[in-house]
């Protein structure tokens, strides 16, 4: 079975044709439970998310701030495994029909096996992977198997990335480019900053692949700001915090659905 990179491409193209940015939501698998995490993905899509990133919980998430680290810890203590991540992707895709990617650090894939991981992700209906700590010069094996299985390879670029480096990264990636809005870890912030717009402009000079911005976006006003210059707006910590702050699962699901609705309105007010 082939993965859903084409669904990802057409979803981003449809948002562009509608003169808006895509809303991309991030939620970790296994949080607050495996079943609860699947419900959360369905809830953000019901609220208006166009694309979902399912996080593979990791004990040393170097890009993720304290909110996502807390959720990862809950998932890991609950015994989440890669099989649960694949199940989350499968059930979320079957229920929603939207592109579902996995965001993961490289070590779990390396230990699991690249061929096995890509084959199972494609079979689950996944659209690709976001790989924040895989150096592009060491990515040939991954890209070979991802392409074979119809999966996108999304690399992360940062404000510190030099222009030549940006060109190298964007030439190797597919689906979209994940532009980190600032130097640091994930988390909600009072402002997204001018660095993000500059990074998007520099990245676009090297590629026609859509450029989506993450790190720091937490409300509709920030989503609208970023949607003014990016092809997609990525929101993670704000969704996770809404789940963490809720008194119970039902309230958490209602909160993330509501937040997705506000953010979906935001990306339409670019």
Protein backbone atom coordinates (compact mmCIF):
# COMPACT_ATOMS: atom_id res chain seq x y z
CA UNK A 1 0.00 0.00 0.00
CA UNK A 2 1.26 3.46 -0.88
CA UNK A 3 1.30 6.31 1.60
CA UNK A 4 -0.66 9.52 1.27
CA UNK A 5 1.90 12.10 0.13
CA UNK A 6 -0.41 13.06 -2.75
CA UNK A 7 -3.23 13.75 -0.30
CA UNK A 8 -0.87 16.04 1.61
CA UNK A 9 0.13 17.82 -1.59
CA UNK A 10 -3.45 18.32 -2.75
CA UNK A 11 -4.57 19.51 0.70
CA UNK A 12 -1.90 22.21 0.77
CA UNK A 13 -2.68 23.16 -2.83
CA UNK A 14 -6.40 23.43 -2.04
CA UNK A 15 -5.70 25.80 0.86
CA UNK A 16 -3.54 27.94 -1.42
CA UNK A 17 -6.24 27.96 -4.09
CA UNK A 18 -8.67 29.19 -1.42
CA UNK A 19 -6.22 32.03 -0.66
CA UNK A 20 -5.51 30.89 2.86
CA UNK A 21 -2.95 28.97 4.85
CA UNK A 22 -3.49 25.39 5.97
CA UNK A 23 -3.98 24.70 9.68
CA UNK A 24 -1.69 21.91 10.88
CA UNK A 25 -2.31 20.53 14.37
CA UNK A 26 0.18 18.53 16.43
CA UNK A 27 -0.81 16.02 19.12
CA UNK A 28 1.27 13.24 20.67
CA UNK A 29 0.12 9.64 20.32
CA UNK A 30 -0.82 7.95 23.59
CA UNK A 31 -1.83 11.19 25.32
CA UNK A 32 -3.74 11.17 27.56
CA UNK A 33 -4.21 7.53 26.53
CA UNK A 34 -3.99 5.83 23.14
CA UNK A 35 -7.77 5.95 22.73
CA UNK A 36 -7.89 9.49 24.08
CA UNK A 37 -5.18 10.59 21.66
CA UNK A 38 -7.14 9.22 18.71
CA UNK A 39 -10.24 11.08 19.91
CA UNK A 40 -8.17 14.27 20.21
CA UNK A 41 -7.02 14.02 16.59
CA UNK A 42 -10.63 13.57 15.49
CA UNK A 43 -11.61 16.58 17.59
CA UNK A 44 -9.06 18.97 16.08
CA UNK A 45 -10.09 17.90 12.57
CA UNK A 46 -13.75 18.41 13.48
CA UNK A 47 -12.76 21.89 14.66
CA UNK A 48 -11.09 22.77 11.37
CA UNK A 49 -7.53 21.38 11.19
CA UNK A 50 -6.53 20.51 7.62
CA UNK A 51 -3.54 18.30 8.47
CA UNK A 52 -2.44 16.54 11.67
CA UNK A 53 1.01 15.69 12.97
CA UNK A 54 0.98 12.75 15.38
CA UNK A 55 3.96 12.91 17.70
CA UNK A 56 5.89 9.76 18.54
CA UNK A 57 6.63 10.26 22.26
CA UNK A 58 10.34 10.35 23.07
CA UNK A 59 12.23 10.47 26.36
CA UNK A 60 14.60 13.20 25.10
CA UNK A 61 12.57 15.46 22.80
CA UNK A 62 15.20 18.10 22.03
CA UNK A 63 12.88 20.37 19.99
CA UNK A 64 9.95 20.18 22.39
CA UNK A 65 9.32 22.47 25.33
CA UNK A 66 7.91 21.58 28.76
CA UNK A 67 4.26 21.27 27.71
CA UNK A 68 4.89 18.60 25.08
CA UNK A 69 7.53 16.96 27.28
CA UNK A 70 4.87 16.57 29.98
CA UNK A 71 2.46 14.95 27.53
CA UNK A 72 5.21 12.67 26.19
CA UNK A 73 6.02 11.57 29.72
CA UNK A 74 2.37 10.71 30.36
CA UNK A 75 2.26 8.70 27.13
CA UNK A 76 5.51 6.86 27.86
CA UNK A 77 4.45 6.05 31.42
CA UNK A 78 1.24 4.69 29.91
CA UNK A 79 3.31 2.27 27.86
CA UNK A 80 2.84 3.78 24.39
CA UNK A 81 4.67 1.92 21.61
CA UNK A 82 5.27 2.46 17.90
CA UNK A 83 2.39 0.07 17.20
CA UNK A 84 0.13 2.51 19.08
CA UNK A 85 1.43 5.40 16.96
CA UNK A 86 0.59 3.44 13.80
CA UNK A 87 -2.84 2.64 15.19
CA UNK A 88 -3.40 6.33 15.94
CA UNK A 89 -2.47 7.24 12.37
CA UNK A 90 -4.67 4.51 10.90
CA UNK A 91 -7.79 5.23 12.94
CA UNK A 92 -7.41 8.99 12.64
CA UNK A 93 -6.99 8.82 8.87
CA UNK A 94 -9.88 6.38 8.42
CA UNK A 95 -12.15 8.59 10.53
CA UNK A 96 -11.20 11.97 9.05
CA UNK A 97 -9.68 11.49 5.60
CA UNK A 98 -7.13 14.25 6.22
CA UNK A 99 -3.35 13.84 5.81
CA UNK A 100 -1.75 12.43 8.97
CA UNK A 101 2.01 12.70 9.44
CA UNK A 102 4.23 11.36 12.20
CA UNK A 103 6.66 13.73 13.89
CA UNK A 104 9.52 11.76 15.38
CA UNK A 105 13.14 11.91 16.36
CA UNK A 106 15.42 9.60 14.45
CA UNK A 107 16.47 7.14 17.14
CA UNK A 108 13.12 5.26 17.38
CA UNK A 109 13.02 4.78 13.61
CA UNK A 110 16.65 3.67 13.52
CA UNK A 111 16.00 1.05 16.21
CA UNK A 112 12.71 -0.07 14.67
CA UNK A 113 14.12 -0.33 11.15
CA UNK A 114 13.62 2.15 8.32
CA UNK A 115 11.99 -0.32 5.92
CA UNK A 116 9.65 -1.65 8.59
CA UNK A 117 8.69 1.82 9.80
CA UNK A 118 8.00 3.27 6.35
CA UNK A 119 6.06 0.20 5.22
CA UNK A 120 3.86 0.23 8.34
CA UNK A 121 3.28 3.99 8.16
CA UNK A 122 2.20 3.74 4.53
CA UNK A 123 -0.04 0.76 5.31
CA UNK A 124 -1.62 2.82 8.09
CA UNK A 125 -2.52 5.58 5.63
CA UNK A 126 0.18 7.98 6.81
CA UNK A 127 1.24 10.88 4.59
CA UNK A 128 4.85 11.15 5.75
CA UNK A 129 7.23 12.04 8.54
CA UNK A 130 8.65 15.20 10.07
CA UNK A 131 12.21 14.46 11.16
CA UNK A 132 13.62 17.37 13.20
CA UNK A 133 16.96 15.80 14.12
CA UNK A 134 17.86 13.79 10.99
CA UNK A 135 20.69 15.60 9.16
CA UNK A 136 19.87 15.86 5.48
CA UNK A 137 23.29 14.51 4.52
CA UNK A 138 22.52 11.32 6.45
CA UNK A 139 18.97 10.91 5.15
CA UNK A 140 19.48 8.96 1.91
CA UNK A 141 18.31 5.60 3.33
CA UNK A 142 15.20 7.15 4.85
CA UNK A 143 14.35 9.08 1.68
CA UNK A 144 14.78 5.99 -0.48
CA UNK A 145 12.24 4.03 1.54
CA UNK A 146 9.91 6.99 2.06
CA UNK A 147 9.75 7.61 -1.68
CA UNK A 148 9.18 3.92 -2.35
CA UNK A 149 6.22 3.93 0.02
CA UNK A 150 4.67 7.24 -1.04
CA UNK A 151 5.60 9.18 2.09
CA UNK A 152 6.67 12.81 2.46
CA UNK A 153 9.99 13.68 4.09
CA UNK A 154 9.61 16.96 5.98
CA UNK A 155 12.79 18.60 7.24
CA UNK A 156 13.03 21.48 9.71
CA UNK A 157 14.78 24.76 8.88
CA UNK A 158 15.63 27.45 11.42
CA UNK A 159 16.46 31.16 11.41
CA UNK A 160 20.11 30.18 11.81
CA UNK A 161 20.08 28.15 8.56
CA UNK A 162 22.31 29.77 5.95
CA UNK A 163 20.96 30.18 2.42
CA UNK A 164 23.15 27.42 0.97
CA UNK A 165 22.02 25.09 3.73
CA UNK A 166 18.38 25.96 3.07
CA UNK A 167 18.83 25.00 -0.58
CA UNK A 168 20.36 21.65 0.38
CA UNK A 169 17.52 20.88 2.81
CA UNK A 170 14.67 21.92 0.55
CA UNK A 171 16.10 19.96 -2.40
CA UNK A 172 15.97 16.77 -0.31
CA UNK A 173 12.59 17.25 1.34
CA UNK A 174 9.03 16.78 0.13
CA UNK A 175 5.49 17.58 1.23
CA UNK A 176 6.33 20.85 2.95
CA UNK A 177 9.20 22.56 4.71
CA UNK A 178 8.80 23.02 8.47
CA UNK A 179 10.12 26.51 9.28
CA UNK A 180 10.87 26.93 12.98
CA UNK A 181 9.84 30.49 13.77
CA UNK A 182 12.60 31.03 16.31
CA UNK A 183 15.65 29.51 17.90
CA UNK A 184 14.47 27.43 20.84
CA UNK A 185 11.93 24.79 21.77
CA UNK A 186 8.21 24.47 21.18
CA UNK A 187 5.80 26.40 23.34
CA UNK A 188 3.24 29.19 23.28
CA UNK A 189 4.66 32.70 23.08
CA UNK A 190 3.34 36.25 23.16
CA UNK A 191 4.59 36.94 19.62
CA UNK A 192 5.88 34.90 16.72
CA UNK A 193 8.48 37.43 15.60
CA UNK A 194 9.84 38.85 12.37
CA UNK A 195 12.43 36.08 12.11
CA UNK A 196 9.74 33.73 10.85
CA UNK A 197 8.74 35.87 7.88
CA UNK A 198 12.36 36.37 6.88
CA UNK A 199 12.99 32.63 7.10
CA UNK A 200 9.94 31.87 4.94
CA UNK A 201 11.10 34.35 2.31
CA UNK A 202 14.62 32.92 2.25
CA UNK A 203 13.29 29.35 2.11
CA UNK A 204 10.87 30.16 -0.72
CA UNK A 205 13.81 31.49 -2.74
CA UNK A 206 15.13 27.91 -2.86
CA UNK A 207 11.98 25.85 -3.52
CA UNK A 208 8.38 25.71 -4.74
CA UNK A 209 7.52 23.32 -1.88
CA UNK A 210 5.05 24.88 0.59
CA UNK A 211 6.62 26.43 3.69
CA UNK A 212 4.74 25.99 6.97
CA UNK A 213 5.63 27.78 10.20
CA UNK A 214 5.63 26.29 13.69
CA UNK A 215 6.85 27.09 17.23
CA UNK A 216 5.02 29.74 19.19
CA UNK A 217 1.60 30.04 17.52
CA UNK A 218 -1.16 29.70 20.10
CA UNK A 219 -4.16 31.85 19.18
CA UNK A 220 -6.21 33.09 16.25
CA UNK A 221 -4.43 36.45 16.00
CA UNK A 222 -1.01 34.79 15.76
CA UNK A 223 -2.39 32.27 13.28
CA UNK A 224 -3.67 35.11 11.11
CA UNK A 225 -0.31 36.88 11.32
CA UNK A 226 1.64 33.80 10.24
CA UNK A 227 -0.96 32.92 7.58
CA UNK A 228 -0.12 36.26 5.99
CA UNK A 229 3.25 34.97 4.84
CA UNK A 230 3.30 31.16 5.23
CA UNK A 231 1.57 28.31 3.41
CA UNK A 232 0.68 26.57 6.66
CA UNK A 233 0.40 27.36 10.36
CA UNK A 234 1.54 24.62 12.75
CA UNK A 235 0.15 24.58 16.29
CA UNK A 236 1.15 22.03 18.90
CA UNK A 237 1.77 23.19 22.46
CA UNK A 238 -1.47 25.17 22.62
CA UNK A 239 -3.49 22.02 21.83
CA UNK A 240 -1.52 19.91 24.29
CA UNK A 241 -1.86 22.55 27.02
CA UNK A 242 -5.62 22.64 26.46
CA UNK A 243 -5.72 18.90 27.08
CA UNK A 244 -3.43 19.11 30.11
CA UNK A 245 -5.44 21.92 31.70
CA UNK A 246 -8.82 20.23 31.25
CA UNK A 247 -10.42 18.56 34.30
CA UNK A 248 -11.29 15.42 32.33
CA UNK A 249 -11.01 13.91 28.86
CA UNK A 250 -14.37 15.13 27.62
CA UNK A 251 -13.54 18.71 28.58
CA UNK A 252 -10.13 18.35 26.93
CA UNK A 253 -11.65 17.16 23.67
CA UNK A 254 -14.12 20.04 23.70
CA UNK A 255 -11.28 22.48 24.37
CA UNK A 256 -9.09 21.31 21.49
CA UNK A 257 -12.03 21.27 19.09
CA UNK A 258 -12.91 24.83 20.09
CA UNK A 259 -9.29 25.99 19.78
CA UNK A 260 -9.02 24.39 16.33
CA UNK A 261 -12.13 26.32 15.30
CA UNK A 262 -10.63 29.62 16.45
CA UNK A 263 -7.32 28.90 14.71
CA UNK A 264 -9.13 27.82 11.52
CA UNK A 265 -10.86 31.19 11.48
CA UNK A 266 -7.49 32.84 12.06
CA UNK A 267 -5.79 31.27 9.05
CA UNK A 268 -8.67 32.54 6.91
CA UNK A 269 -8.10 36.16 8.05
CA UNK A 270 -4.54 36.36 6.70
